[in-house]
C-alpha atoms as a PDB file:
ATOM      1  CA  MET A   1     -38.620  90.589   7.659  1.00  0.00           C
ATOM      2  CA  LYS A   2     -36.086  89.012   9.752  1.00  0.00           C
ATOM      3  CA  ILE A   3     -32.641  88.232   8.230  1.00  0.00           C
ATOM      4  CA  ARG A   4     -33.110  84.606   8.671  1.00  0.00           C
ATOM      5  CA  THR A   5     -36.349  84.818   6.433  1.00  0.00           C
ATOM      6  CA  ARG A   6     -34.373  86.974   3.795  1.00  0.00           C
ATOM      7  CA  LYS A   7     -31.631  84.176   3.553  1.00  0.00           C
ATOM      8  CA  PHE A   8     -33.887  81.558   3.089  1.00  0.00           C
ATOM      9  CA  VAL A   9     -35.782  83.282   0.435  1.00  0.00           C
ATOM     10  CA  GLY A  10     -32.719  84.538  -0.894  1.00  0.00           C
ATOM     11  CA  VAL A  11     -30.961  80.794  -1.280  1.00  0.00           C
ATOM     12  CA  PHE A  12     -33.854  79.789  -3.713  1.00  0.00           C
ATOM     13  CA  ALA A  13     -34.176  82.882  -5.172  1.00  0.00           C
ATOM     14  CA  GLY A  14     -30.354  83.005  -6.123  1.00  0.00           C
ATOM     15  CA  ALA A  15     -30.689  79.192  -7.335  1.00  0.00           C
ATOM     16  CA  VAL A  16     -33.784  79.772  -9.459  1.00  0.00           C
ATOM     17  CA  TYR A  17     -31.817  83.057 -10.793  1.00  0.00           C
ATOM     18  CA  LEU A  18     -28.578  80.879 -11.735  1.00  0.00           C
ATOM     19  CA  VAL A  19     -30.519  78.196 -13.322  1.00  0.00           C
ATOM     20  CA  VAL A  20     -32.661  80.750 -15.173  1.00  0.00           C
ATOM     21  CA  TYR A  21     -29.623  82.879 -16.446  1.00  0.00           C
ATOM     22  CA  SER A  22     -27.323  79.751 -17.478  1.00  0.00           C
ATOM     23  CA  LEU A  23     -29.886  78.200 -19.677  1.00  0.00           C
ATOM     24  CA  ILE A  24     -30.856  81.704 -21.141  1.00  0.00           C
ATOM     25  CA  ALA A  25     -27.025  82.055 -21.773  1.00  0.00           C
ATOM     26  CA  MET A  26     -26.327  78.751 -23.364  1.00  0.00           C
ATOM     27  CA  ALA A  27     -29.682  79.012 -25.687  1.00  0.00           C
ATOM     28  CA  VAL A  28     -28.569  82.530 -26.799  1.00  0.00           C
ATOM     29  CA  GLY A  29     -24.885  81.517 -27.308  1.00  0.00           C
ATOM     30  CA  GLY A  30     -25.988  78.088 -29.096  1.00  0.00           C
ATOM     31  CA  ALA A  31     -28.401  80.075 -31.590  1.00  0.00           C
ATOM     32  CA  LEU A  32     -26.213  83.198 -32.259  1.00  0.00           C
ATOM     33  CA  PHE A  33     -22.790  81.653 -32.142  1.00  0.00           C
ATOM     34  CA  MET A  34     -22.847  77.919 -33.272  1.00  0.00           C
ATOM     35  CA  ASP A  35     -21.442  78.683 -36.625  1.00  0.00           C
ATOM     36  CA  THR A  36     -19.023  81.337 -35.858  1.00  0.00           C
ATOM     37  CA  HIS A  37     -15.308  81.025 -34.806  1.00  0.00           C
ATOM     38  CA  SER A  38     -13.897  79.680 -31.479  1.00  0.00           C
ATOM     39  CA  MET A  39     -12.620  82.706 -30.495  1.00  0.00           C
ATOM     40  CA  VAL A  40     -15.916  84.615 -30.988  1.00  0.00           C
ATOM     41  CA  GLN A  41     -17.583  81.909 -28.931  1.00  0.00           C
ATOM     42  CA  LEU A  42     -15.110  81.921 -26.209  1.00  0.00           C
ATOM     43  CA  ALA A  43     -15.435  85.330 -25.994  1.00  0.00           C
ATOM     44  CA  TYR A  44     -19.227  85.345 -25.390  1.00  0.00           C
ATOM     45  CA  PHE A  45     -19.078  82.704 -22.893  1.00  0.00           C
ATOM     46  CA  VAL A  46     -16.531  84.415 -20.881  1.00  0.00           C
ATOM     47  CA  ILE A  47     -18.545  87.434 -20.917  1.00  0.00           C
ATOM     48  CA  ALA A  48     -21.799  85.579 -20.255  1.00  0.00           C
ATOM     49  CA  GLY A  49     -20.060  83.671 -17.575  1.00  0.00           C
ATOM     50  CA  THR A  50     -19.631  87.028 -15.804  1.00  0.00           C
ATOM     51  CA  LEU A  51     -22.684  88.888 -16.644  1.00  0.00           C
ATOM     52  CA  TRP A  52     -24.479  86.926 -13.770  1.00  0.00           C
ATOM     53  CA  LEU A  53     -22.577  88.483 -10.644  1.00  0.00           C
ATOM     54  CA  PRO A  54     -24.435  91.745 -10.721  1.00  0.00           C
ATOM     55  CA  GLY A  55     -27.516  89.956 -10.318  1.00  0.00           C
ATOM     56  CA  MET A  56     -26.333  87.853  -7.514  1.00  0.00           C
ATOM     57  CA  MET A  57     -24.812  90.564  -5.765  1.00  0.00           C
ATOM     58  CA  VAL A  58     -28.152  92.366  -5.545  1.00  0.00           C
ATOM     59  CA  ILE A  59     -29.776  89.359  -4.082  1.00  0.00           C
ATOM     60  CA  ILE A  60     -27.010  88.720  -1.733  1.00  0.00           C
ATOM     61  CA  ARG A  61     -26.903  92.463  -0.635  1.00  0.00           C
ATOM     62  CA  TRP A  62     -30.677  91.892   0.263  1.00  0.00           C
ATOM     63  CA  MET A  63     -30.042  89.031   2.237  1.00  0.00           C
ATOM     64  CA  SER A  64     -27.401  90.592   4.352  1.00  0.00           C
ATOM     65  CA  ARG A  65     -29.413  93.567   5.372  1.00  0.00           C
ATOM     66  CA  SER A  66     -29.769  93.994   9.019  1.00  0.00           C
ATOM     67  CA  ASP A  67     -33.299  93.492  10.295  1.00  0.00           C
ATOM     68  CA  GLU A  68     -35.653  96.622  10.259  1.00  0.00           C
ATOM     69  CA  ALA A  69     -36.390  97.982  13.818  1.00  0.00           C
ATOM     70  CA  THR A  70     -39.966  97.448  14.618  1.00  0.00           C
END
């Protein structure tokens, strides 16, 4: 697959990943931490707000690979 095609697919994959991840993180946070102390909520959302990075880094690394030799 050429790099231009990977970048095109990767943009949409990254956007879908971020939307799905954020909706799941908000649903989990709302369901589990709604009645807890505000510091617990803050800690959850800080952690959940940084856990999207490893998945997105995998997508970006895949997008930026060089073309395979044909």
